N, C-alpha and C. Protein backbone atom coordinates (compact mmCIF):
# COMPACT_ATOMS: atom_id res chain seq x y z
N MET A 1 89.93 -91.60 84.46
CA MET A 1 90.98 -91.46 85.45
C MET A 1 92.31 -91.92 84.85
N LYS A 2 93.36 -91.16 85.14
CA LYS A 2 94.69 -91.49 84.64
C LYS A 2 95.29 -92.63 85.44
N LYS A 3 95.93 -93.53 84.73
CA LYS A 3 96.74 -94.56 85.39
C LYS A 3 98.18 -94.17 85.18
N ILE A 4 98.89 -93.96 86.27
CA ILE A 4 100.29 -93.56 86.16
C ILE A 4 101.18 -94.73 86.54
N LYS A 5 102.01 -95.12 85.60
CA LYS A 5 103.00 -96.17 85.82
C LYS A 5 104.36 -95.51 85.66
N PRO A 6 104.90 -94.96 86.75
CA PRO A 6 106.10 -94.14 86.60
C PRO A 6 107.35 -94.91 86.19
N HIS A 7 107.79 -94.63 85.00
CA HIS A 7 109.06 -95.10 84.48
C HIS A 7 109.89 -93.87 84.16
N GLY A 8 111.13 -94.06 83.89
CA GLY A 8 111.93 -92.96 83.39
C GLY A 8 112.97 -92.42 84.33
N CYS A 9 113.22 -93.09 85.46
CA CYS A 9 114.29 -92.61 86.35
C CYS A 9 115.63 -93.10 85.80
N ILE A 10 116.52 -92.16 85.57
CA ILE A 10 117.86 -92.49 85.10
C ILE A 10 118.76 -92.60 86.33
N GLU A 11 119.39 -93.74 86.50
CA GLU A 11 120.20 -93.98 87.70
C GLU A 11 121.67 -94.18 87.41
N LYS A 12 122.04 -94.21 86.14
CA LYS A 12 123.44 -94.45 85.80
C LYS A 12 124.02 -93.24 85.09
N SER A 13 125.29 -92.99 85.38
CA SER A 13 125.99 -91.89 84.75
C SER A 13 127.10 -92.45 83.87
N ASP A 14 127.71 -91.56 83.09
CA ASP A 14 128.89 -91.98 82.34
C ASP A 14 130.09 -91.97 83.28
N LYS A 15 131.27 -92.27 82.77
CA LYS A 15 132.46 -92.38 83.63
C LYS A 15 132.85 -91.06 84.28
N ASN A 16 132.37 -89.94 83.73
CA ASN A 16 132.67 -88.62 84.31
C ASN A 16 131.59 -88.16 85.28
N GLY A 17 130.60 -89.00 85.53
CA GLY A 17 129.54 -88.66 86.46
C GLY A 17 128.42 -87.85 85.83
N GLU A 18 128.34 -87.81 84.50
CA GLU A 18 127.28 -87.04 83.84
C GLU A 18 126.11 -87.96 83.51
N ILE A 19 124.92 -87.48 83.83
CA ILE A 19 123.69 -88.21 83.55
C ILE A 19 122.97 -87.47 82.43
N PHE A 20 122.72 -88.14 81.32
CA PHE A 20 122.03 -87.54 80.18
C PHE A 20 120.55 -87.89 80.26
N LEU A 21 119.70 -86.86 80.22
CA LEU A 21 118.27 -87.08 80.36
C LEU A 21 117.54 -87.03 79.03
N PRO A 22 116.96 -88.13 78.59
CA PRO A 22 116.10 -88.08 77.41
C PRO A 22 114.71 -87.54 77.78
N MET A 23 113.91 -87.23 76.78
CA MET A 23 112.56 -86.71 77.01
C MET A 23 111.75 -87.65 77.89
N GLY A 24 111.01 -87.07 78.83
CA GLY A 24 110.14 -87.85 79.69
C GLY A 24 110.83 -88.55 80.84
N HIS A 25 112.13 -88.34 81.00
CA HIS A 25 112.90 -88.98 82.06
C HIS A 25 113.29 -87.97 83.14
N TYR A 26 113.75 -88.51 84.26
CA TYR A 26 114.20 -87.66 85.36
C TYR A 26 115.35 -88.34 86.09
N ALA A 27 116.03 -87.55 86.90
CA ALA A 27 117.10 -88.08 87.75
C ALA A 27 117.01 -87.39 89.11
N ILE A 28 117.28 -88.13 90.15
CA ILE A 28 117.34 -87.62 91.52
C ILE A 28 118.74 -87.87 92.05
N ILE A 29 119.33 -86.86 92.65
CA ILE A 29 120.67 -87.00 93.21
C ILE A 29 120.63 -86.62 94.68
N ASN A 30 121.08 -87.54 95.51
CA ASN A 30 121.30 -87.26 96.92
C ASN A 30 122.81 -87.11 97.04
N CYS A 31 123.28 -85.88 97.20
CA CYS A 31 124.73 -85.61 97.11
C CYS A 31 125.54 -86.21 98.24
N LYS A 32 124.89 -86.85 99.17
CA LYS A 32 125.65 -87.57 100.18
C LYS A 32 126.24 -88.83 99.56
N LYS A 33 125.66 -89.23 98.42
CA LYS A 33 126.17 -90.39 97.68
C LYS A 33 126.77 -89.87 96.38
N ARG A 34 128.01 -90.18 96.14
CA ARG A 34 128.66 -89.74 94.90
C ARG A 34 128.61 -90.87 93.90
N ILE A 35 128.54 -90.52 92.62
CA ILE A 35 128.50 -91.51 91.55
C ILE A 35 129.89 -91.62 90.94
N ASN A 36 130.39 -92.84 90.84
CA ASN A 36 131.72 -93.08 90.27
C ASN A 36 132.79 -92.20 90.92
N ASN A 37 132.61 -91.89 92.19
CA ASN A 37 133.55 -91.07 92.96
C ASN A 37 133.70 -89.64 92.44
N VAL A 38 132.70 -89.15 91.73
CA VAL A 38 132.68 -87.75 91.28
C VAL A 38 131.31 -87.16 91.61
N ASP A 39 131.26 -85.84 91.66
CA ASP A 39 129.98 -85.18 91.89
C ASP A 39 129.20 -85.19 90.58
N PRO A 40 127.98 -85.72 90.60
CA PRO A 40 127.24 -85.89 89.36
C PRO A 40 126.73 -84.58 88.76
N LYS A 41 126.61 -84.59 87.45
CA LYS A 41 125.99 -83.51 86.70
C LYS A 41 124.85 -84.14 85.90
N ILE A 42 123.75 -83.40 85.76
CA ILE A 42 122.62 -83.87 84.96
C ILE A 42 122.52 -82.95 83.76
N SER A 43 122.37 -83.52 82.57
CA SER A 43 122.39 -82.68 81.37
C SER A 43 121.32 -83.07 80.36
N ILE A 44 120.93 -82.06 79.59
CA ILE A 44 120.06 -82.25 78.43
C ILE A 44 120.70 -81.48 77.29
N TYR A 45 120.90 -82.16 76.18
CA TYR A 45 121.40 -81.51 74.97
C TYR A 45 120.28 -81.53 73.93
N GLY A 46 120.16 -80.46 73.16
CA GLY A 46 119.11 -80.40 72.15
C GLY A 46 117.76 -80.05 72.73
N LEU A 47 117.73 -79.19 73.73
CA LEU A 47 116.49 -78.76 74.38
C LEU A 47 115.86 -77.66 73.53
N GLY A 48 114.69 -77.92 72.96
CA GLY A 48 114.00 -76.93 72.13
C GLY A 48 112.79 -76.38 72.86
N SER A 49 111.61 -76.84 72.46
CA SER A 49 110.38 -76.38 73.11
C SER A 49 110.16 -77.08 74.45
N CYS A 50 110.92 -78.13 74.72
CA CYS A 50 110.82 -78.84 76.00
C CYS A 50 111.34 -77.96 77.14
N ILE A 51 111.05 -78.39 78.35
CA ILE A 51 111.49 -77.69 79.56
C ILE A 51 112.38 -78.61 80.39
N ALA A 52 113.49 -78.08 80.85
CA ALA A 52 114.29 -78.74 81.88
C ALA A 52 113.83 -78.16 83.21
N LEU A 53 113.24 -78.99 84.04
CA LEU A 53 112.81 -78.57 85.37
C LEU A 53 113.86 -79.06 86.36
N ILE A 54 114.49 -78.11 87.04
CA ILE A 54 115.52 -78.41 88.03
C ILE A 54 114.97 -78.02 89.39
N LEU A 55 114.93 -78.97 90.31
CA LEU A 55 114.49 -78.72 91.67
C LEU A 55 115.60 -79.14 92.62
N PHE A 56 115.78 -78.36 93.70
CA PHE A 56 116.82 -78.75 94.65
C PHE A 56 116.54 -78.18 96.04
N ASP A 57 117.07 -78.90 97.01
CA ASP A 57 117.10 -78.47 98.41
C ASP A 57 118.58 -78.42 98.77
N ASN A 58 119.17 -77.23 98.73
CA ASN A 58 120.61 -77.12 98.97
C ASN A 58 120.98 -77.31 100.43
N LYS A 59 120.03 -77.25 101.34
CA LYS A 59 120.34 -77.49 102.75
C LYS A 59 120.51 -78.97 103.04
N ASN A 60 119.79 -79.81 102.31
CA ASN A 60 119.87 -81.26 102.52
C ASN A 60 120.57 -81.99 101.38
N ASN A 61 121.13 -81.22 100.43
CA ASN A 61 121.91 -81.78 99.31
C ASN A 61 121.14 -82.82 98.49
N VAL A 62 119.89 -82.50 98.18
CA VAL A 62 119.07 -83.36 97.34
C VAL A 62 118.59 -82.54 96.15
N SER A 63 118.71 -83.11 94.96
CA SER A 63 118.29 -82.37 93.76
C SER A 63 117.77 -83.33 92.71
N GLY A 64 117.11 -82.75 91.72
CA GLY A 64 116.59 -83.56 90.62
C GLY A 64 116.31 -82.70 89.41
N MET A 65 116.18 -83.38 88.29
CA MET A 65 115.86 -82.68 87.04
C MET A 65 114.97 -83.59 86.20
N SER A 66 114.01 -82.98 85.50
CA SER A 66 113.18 -83.74 84.57
C SER A 66 113.18 -83.05 83.22
N HIS A 67 112.88 -83.82 82.18
CA HIS A 67 112.87 -83.35 80.79
C HIS A 67 111.42 -83.42 80.31
N ILE A 68 110.74 -82.27 80.35
CA ILE A 68 109.31 -82.17 80.08
C ILE A 68 109.07 -81.87 78.60
N LEU A 69 108.18 -82.63 78.00
CA LEU A 69 107.87 -82.51 76.58
C LEU A 69 106.58 -81.73 76.31
N LEU A 70 105.56 -81.94 77.13
CA LEU A 70 104.23 -81.37 76.87
C LEU A 70 103.66 -80.70 78.12
N PRO A 71 102.77 -79.72 77.93
CA PRO A 71 102.22 -79.01 79.08
C PRO A 71 101.26 -79.84 79.93
N LYS A 72 100.47 -80.71 79.31
CA LYS A 72 99.40 -81.36 80.05
C LYS A 72 99.21 -82.81 79.59
N SER A 73 98.96 -83.66 80.57
CA SER A 73 98.64 -85.06 80.27
C SER A 73 97.16 -85.16 79.90
N ARG A 74 96.79 -86.26 79.27
CA ARG A 74 95.39 -86.48 78.89
C ARG A 74 94.70 -87.36 79.91
N GLN A 75 93.43 -87.07 80.12
CA GLN A 75 92.61 -87.91 81.01
C GLN A 75 92.40 -89.27 80.36
N ASN A 76 92.09 -90.26 81.16
CA ASN A 76 91.74 -91.60 80.68
C ASN A 76 92.81 -92.23 79.80
N LYS A 77 94.05 -91.97 80.12
CA LYS A 77 95.14 -92.55 79.35
C LYS A 77 96.17 -93.09 80.33
N THR A 78 96.67 -94.29 80.07
CA THR A 78 97.75 -94.82 80.90
C THR A 78 99.02 -94.04 80.58
N ILE A 79 99.67 -93.58 81.61
CA ILE A 79 100.86 -92.75 81.44
C ILE A 79 102.07 -93.50 81.97
N ASN A 80 102.94 -93.89 81.05
CA ASN A 80 104.14 -94.63 81.44
C ASN A 80 105.30 -93.71 81.81
N PHE A 81 105.33 -92.53 81.23
CA PHE A 81 106.40 -91.57 81.49
C PHE A 81 105.79 -90.24 81.93
N PRO A 82 105.38 -90.13 83.20
CA PRO A 82 104.70 -88.92 83.66
C PRO A 82 105.57 -87.67 83.61
N HIS A 83 106.88 -87.84 83.57
CA HIS A 83 107.75 -86.66 83.53
C HIS A 83 107.78 -86.02 82.14
N LYS A 84 107.04 -86.56 81.19
CA LYS A 84 106.85 -85.91 79.89
C LYS A 84 105.94 -84.69 80.02
N TYR A 85 105.16 -84.63 81.10
CA TYR A 85 104.09 -83.64 81.22
C TYR A 85 104.33 -82.69 82.39
N ALA A 86 104.20 -81.40 82.12
CA ALA A 86 104.41 -80.38 83.16
C ALA A 86 103.46 -80.58 84.33
N ASP A 87 102.20 -80.92 84.05
CA ASP A 87 101.22 -81.03 85.13
C ASP A 87 101.49 -82.21 86.07
N LEU A 88 102.26 -83.18 85.63
CA LEU A 88 102.60 -84.32 86.49
C LEU A 88 104.03 -84.27 87.02
N SER A 89 104.94 -83.81 86.20
CA SER A 89 106.36 -83.88 86.54
C SER A 89 106.70 -83.08 87.80
N ALA A 90 106.18 -81.87 87.90
CA ALA A 90 106.53 -81.02 89.05
C ALA A 90 106.19 -81.69 90.37
N LYS A 91 104.95 -82.16 90.51
CA LYS A 91 104.56 -82.76 91.79
C LYS A 91 105.28 -84.08 92.06
N LEU A 92 105.51 -84.87 91.01
CA LEU A 92 106.23 -86.13 91.20
C LEU A 92 107.70 -85.91 91.56
N LEU A 93 108.32 -84.92 90.92
CA LEU A 93 109.73 -84.63 91.22
C LEU A 93 109.87 -84.11 92.65
N ILE A 94 108.95 -83.26 93.08
CA ILE A 94 108.95 -82.78 94.47
C ILE A 94 108.85 -83.96 95.43
N GLN A 95 107.92 -84.87 95.17
CA GLN A 95 107.74 -86.03 96.05
C GLN A 95 108.99 -86.91 96.08
N GLU A 96 109.64 -87.09 94.93
CA GLU A 96 110.88 -87.87 94.89
C GLU A 96 111.98 -87.20 95.73
N LEU A 97 112.10 -85.87 95.63
CA LEU A 97 113.09 -85.16 96.44
C LEU A 97 112.82 -85.37 97.93
N ILE A 98 111.56 -85.25 98.32
CA ILE A 98 111.18 -85.45 99.72
C ILE A 98 111.49 -86.89 100.15
N ASN A 99 111.20 -87.85 99.28
CA ASN A 99 111.51 -89.26 99.58
C ASN A 99 113.00 -89.50 99.79
N HIS A 100 113.83 -88.63 99.20
CA HIS A 100 115.29 -88.75 99.32
C HIS A 100 115.88 -87.80 100.37
N GLY A 101 115.03 -87.18 101.19
CA GLY A 101 115.54 -86.39 102.31
C GLY A 101 115.39 -84.89 102.21
N ALA A 102 114.80 -84.39 101.13
CA ALA A 102 114.59 -82.94 101.02
C ALA A 102 113.44 -82.50 101.92
N MET A 103 113.48 -81.25 102.31
CA MET A 103 112.37 -80.63 103.05
C MET A 103 111.62 -79.74 102.06
N ARG A 104 110.33 -79.92 101.96
CA ARG A 104 109.52 -79.19 100.98
C ARG A 104 109.75 -77.68 101.05
N LYS A 105 109.85 -77.13 102.26
CA LYS A 105 110.01 -75.68 102.42
C LYS A 105 111.33 -75.17 101.85
N ASN A 106 112.31 -76.06 101.66
CA ASN A 106 113.63 -75.67 101.14
C ASN A 106 113.76 -75.83 99.63
N ILE A 107 112.79 -76.45 98.98
CA ILE A 107 112.91 -76.77 97.55
C ILE A 107 112.74 -75.51 96.70
N LYS A 108 113.70 -75.32 95.78
CA LYS A 108 113.68 -74.19 94.85
C LYS A 108 113.72 -74.74 93.43
N ALA A 109 113.31 -73.89 92.46
CA ALA A 109 113.24 -74.34 91.07
C ALA A 109 114.03 -73.44 90.14
N ILE A 110 114.53 -74.05 89.07
CA ILE A 110 115.13 -73.35 87.93
C ILE A 110 114.52 -73.99 86.70
N ILE A 111 114.10 -73.16 85.73
CA ILE A 111 113.54 -73.71 84.50
C ILE A 111 114.31 -73.20 83.29
N VAL A 112 114.51 -74.10 82.33
CA VAL A 112 115.27 -73.79 81.12
C VAL A 112 114.54 -74.40 79.94
N GLY A 113 114.50 -73.69 78.81
CA GLY A 113 113.93 -74.22 77.58
C GLY A 113 112.76 -73.40 77.09
N GLY A 114 111.79 -74.07 76.49
CA GLY A 114 110.59 -73.40 76.03
C GLY A 114 110.78 -72.52 74.81
N SER A 115 111.67 -72.91 73.91
CA SER A 115 111.93 -72.11 72.71
C SER A 115 110.87 -72.34 71.65
N LYS A 116 110.76 -71.37 70.77
CA LYS A 116 109.94 -71.51 69.55
C LYS A 116 110.95 -71.74 68.44
N ILE A 117 111.20 -72.99 68.12
CA ILE A 117 112.29 -73.36 67.23
C ILE A 117 111.98 -73.07 65.76
N PHE A 118 110.77 -73.36 65.33
CA PHE A 118 110.44 -73.22 63.91
C PHE A 118 109.54 -72.01 63.69
N ASP A 119 109.82 -71.24 62.64
CA ASP A 119 108.99 -70.08 62.31
C ASP A 119 107.55 -70.47 62.04
N LEU A 120 107.34 -71.66 61.52
CA LEU A 120 105.99 -72.11 61.20
C LEU A 120 105.27 -72.72 62.39
N ASP A 121 105.93 -72.74 63.53
CA ASP A 121 105.35 -73.34 64.74
C ASP A 121 104.25 -72.42 65.26
N GLU A 122 103.02 -72.71 64.87
CA GLU A 122 101.90 -71.85 65.26
C GLU A 122 101.25 -72.28 66.56
N ASN A 123 101.61 -73.42 67.08
CA ASN A 123 100.98 -73.86 68.32
C ASN A 123 101.72 -73.37 69.56
N PHE A 124 102.84 -72.73 69.40
CA PHE A 124 103.58 -72.12 70.50
C PHE A 124 103.84 -73.10 71.65
N MET A 125 104.26 -74.30 71.30
CA MET A 125 104.48 -75.34 72.31
C MET A 125 105.46 -74.89 73.39
N GLY A 126 106.54 -74.22 73.01
CA GLY A 126 107.51 -73.76 74.00
C GLY A 126 106.90 -72.80 75.00
N ILE A 127 106.10 -71.87 74.52
CA ILE A 127 105.42 -70.91 75.40
C ILE A 127 104.44 -71.65 76.30
N ASN A 128 103.67 -72.58 75.71
CA ASN A 128 102.71 -73.35 76.50
C ASN A 128 103.40 -74.18 77.58
N ASN A 129 104.53 -74.78 77.24
CA ASN A 129 105.29 -75.56 78.24
C ASN A 129 105.78 -74.67 79.37
N THR A 130 106.31 -73.50 79.02
CA THR A 130 106.83 -72.57 80.03
C THR A 130 105.71 -72.11 80.95
N GLU A 131 104.58 -71.71 80.37
CA GLU A 131 103.45 -71.25 81.18
C GLU A 131 102.92 -72.37 82.07
N ALA A 132 102.86 -73.59 81.53
CA ALA A 132 102.33 -74.72 82.31
C ALA A 132 103.21 -75.04 83.51
N ILE A 133 104.52 -75.06 83.32
CA ILE A 133 105.39 -75.40 84.46
C ILE A 133 105.38 -74.29 85.50
N LYS A 134 105.31 -73.04 85.05
CA LYS A 134 105.23 -71.93 86.02
C LYS A 134 103.94 -72.01 86.84
N LYS A 135 102.85 -72.34 86.16
CA LYS A 135 101.56 -72.47 86.85
C LYS A 135 101.61 -73.60 87.88
N GLU A 136 102.18 -74.74 87.50
CA GLU A 136 102.28 -75.87 88.43
C GLU A 136 103.15 -75.53 89.64
N LEU A 137 104.28 -74.89 89.40
CA LEU A 137 105.18 -74.54 90.50
C LEU A 137 104.52 -73.52 91.43
N GLU A 138 103.78 -72.59 90.86
CA GLU A 138 103.06 -71.61 91.70
C GLU A 138 102.01 -72.32 92.55
N LYS A 139 101.27 -73.22 91.93
CA LYS A 139 100.24 -73.98 92.64
C LYS A 139 100.86 -74.80 93.77
N LEU A 140 102.05 -75.33 93.53
CA LEU A 140 102.73 -76.16 94.53
C LEU A 140 103.59 -75.34 95.50
N GLU A 141 103.55 -74.01 95.33
CA GLU A 141 104.28 -73.07 96.19
C GLU A 141 105.78 -73.30 96.19
N ILE A 142 106.33 -73.53 94.99
CA ILE A 142 107.77 -73.68 94.80
C ILE A 142 108.27 -72.44 94.09
N LYS A 143 109.25 -71.78 94.68
CA LYS A 143 109.79 -70.54 94.13
C LYS A 143 110.77 -70.81 92.99
N ILE A 144 110.58 -70.09 91.88
CA ILE A 144 111.51 -70.16 90.76
C ILE A 144 112.60 -69.13 91.01
N ILE A 145 113.84 -69.59 91.15
CA ILE A 145 114.94 -68.66 91.44
C ILE A 145 115.81 -68.38 90.22
N GLY A 146 115.57 -69.12 89.14
CA GLY A 146 116.34 -68.91 87.92
C GLY A 146 115.56 -69.38 86.72
N GLU A 147 115.75 -68.68 85.61
CA GLU A 147 115.00 -69.02 84.40
C GLU A 147 115.79 -68.61 83.17
N ASN A 148 115.79 -69.48 82.17
CA ASN A 148 116.36 -69.17 80.86
C ASN A 148 115.42 -69.83 79.86
N THR A 149 114.37 -69.08 79.47
CA THR A 149 113.31 -69.65 78.62
C THR A 149 113.01 -68.74 77.44
N GLY A 150 112.27 -69.30 76.49
CA GLY A 150 111.82 -68.54 75.33
C GLY A 150 112.87 -68.45 74.25
N GLY A 151 112.69 -67.49 73.38
CA GLY A 151 113.61 -67.31 72.27
C GLY A 151 113.34 -68.27 71.14
N SER A 152 114.26 -68.30 70.20
CA SER A 152 114.04 -69.13 69.00
C SER A 152 115.19 -70.11 68.75
N GLU A 153 116.02 -70.34 69.75
CA GLU A 153 117.14 -71.26 69.59
C GLU A 153 117.05 -72.40 70.60
N GLY A 154 117.58 -73.54 70.17
CA GLY A 154 117.69 -74.66 71.09
C GLY A 154 118.78 -74.39 72.12
N ARG A 155 118.81 -75.20 73.14
CA ARG A 155 119.77 -75.03 74.22
C ARG A 155 120.33 -76.37 74.67
N ALA A 156 121.41 -76.28 75.37
CA ALA A 156 121.94 -77.39 76.16
C ALA A 156 122.00 -76.87 77.59
N VAL A 157 121.71 -77.73 78.54
CA VAL A 157 121.73 -77.33 79.95
C VAL A 157 122.47 -78.40 80.75
N ILE A 158 123.30 -77.93 81.67
CA ILE A 158 124.01 -78.82 82.60
C ILE A 158 123.75 -78.31 84.01
N PHE A 159 123.29 -79.22 84.86
CA PHE A 159 123.05 -78.92 86.27
C PHE A 159 124.13 -79.62 87.08
N ASP A 160 124.96 -78.83 87.76
CA ASP A 160 126.03 -79.36 88.59
C ASP A 160 125.50 -79.54 90.01
N THR A 161 125.31 -80.77 90.42
CA THR A 161 124.72 -81.04 91.72
C THR A 161 125.68 -80.79 92.88
N LYS A 162 126.93 -80.56 92.58
CA LYS A 162 127.90 -80.27 93.65
C LYS A 162 127.60 -78.93 94.30
N ASP A 163 127.33 -77.91 93.48
CA ASP A 163 127.08 -76.57 94.03
C ASP A 163 125.78 -75.96 93.52
N PHE A 164 124.93 -76.77 92.89
CA PHE A 164 123.61 -76.36 92.39
C PHE A 164 123.70 -75.27 91.33
N SER A 165 124.79 -75.26 90.57
CA SER A 165 124.96 -74.31 89.47
C SER A 165 124.31 -74.86 88.21
N VAL A 166 123.79 -73.94 87.40
CA VAL A 166 123.19 -74.31 86.12
C VAL A 166 123.93 -73.58 85.01
N TYR A 167 124.31 -74.33 83.99
CA TYR A 167 125.03 -73.78 82.84
C TYR A 167 124.18 -74.01 81.60
N VAL A 168 124.06 -72.96 80.77
CA VAL A 168 123.24 -73.03 79.56
C VAL A 168 124.05 -72.54 78.37
N LYS A 169 123.82 -73.18 77.23
CA LYS A 169 124.46 -72.78 75.99
C LYS A 169 123.42 -72.89 74.89
N SER A 170 123.25 -71.80 74.11
CA SER A 170 122.33 -71.87 72.96
C SER A 170 123.05 -72.54 71.80
N THR A 171 122.30 -72.91 70.78
CA THR A 171 122.89 -73.61 69.64
C THR A 171 123.93 -72.77 68.91
N ARG A 172 123.84 -71.46 69.02
CA ARG A 172 124.80 -70.58 68.33
C ARG A 172 126.02 -70.24 69.18
N GLU A 173 126.00 -70.63 70.42
CA GLU A 173 127.12 -70.31 71.31
C GLU A 173 128.08 -71.50 71.39
N SER A 174 129.33 -71.18 71.61
CA SER A 174 130.31 -72.26 71.73
C SER A 174 130.62 -72.60 73.18
N ASN A 175 130.32 -71.70 74.10
CA ASN A 175 130.62 -71.94 75.52
C ASN A 175 129.36 -71.85 76.38
N PHE A 176 129.37 -72.62 77.44
CA PHE A 176 128.28 -72.56 78.41
C PHE A 176 128.42 -71.31 79.26
N LYS A 177 127.26 -70.74 79.66
CA LYS A 177 127.23 -69.61 80.58
C LYS A 177 126.53 -70.05 81.87
N LYS A 178 127.11 -69.65 82.98
CA LYS A 178 126.51 -69.96 84.27
C LYS A 178 125.33 -69.02 84.49
N ILE A 179 124.14 -69.58 84.77
CA ILE A 179 122.99 -68.71 85.01
C ILE A 179 122.59 -68.66 86.48
N THR A 180 123.09 -69.58 87.29
CA THR A 180 122.83 -69.54 88.74
C THR A 180 124.02 -70.14 89.47
N SER A 181 124.02 -69.92 90.77
CA SER A 181 125.06 -70.58 91.58
C SER A 181 124.52 -70.91 92.94
C-alpha cells in the first residue's frame, strides 16, 4: 500500500505574481485572493517529457497546475511528492480545487508537454506521460479543452489565472503563443 505524504504546494510568487513550478510540485489559486496585488500566473520553463496539468473552474475562479514527471507511482513506496505522478496528481489536484471552492462539474483541463526530447529516447516517456494523464482525466470525467503535447522540442508554459489563458513557447520560438482563452 502506498503511503502518501503530500508535499510540494508552492504558495509564494515573485514580485510580479509569477509562481514557478518545479517537478513534482503544484499550485492552487483562488482568484478571489490576489498575490502581491497582482493576478497570479503559474509557469513551468524547460518542460520536456513532463506534463503541465492545468485544471480550473472559471465559474468559481479557482485554478491549479501541477508539474508531472512520471506516468505511474509505484506500489509499496512512500510518496512525498505525489504530483510527480499522473495517476496521483489529477485526483489530488481536483480535490484541492474543490477544497478551495471549485465545483467538480465545472472543472476543465488543459495539458501541455509530453515531448520526445532525445532521438535515443526509446522509452517514449513523453508519450507515456501524455497517455497516462489523458486516461486519468477520462476516468475522473474531466474534459480536456486544450492540449499542446508531443513533438520533439521542450516548451515553456504560462497559465494566467486572471482569464484562464494558457501561453506556450517551444525552445525554438522567441514568443509565447496563446493556446486557450
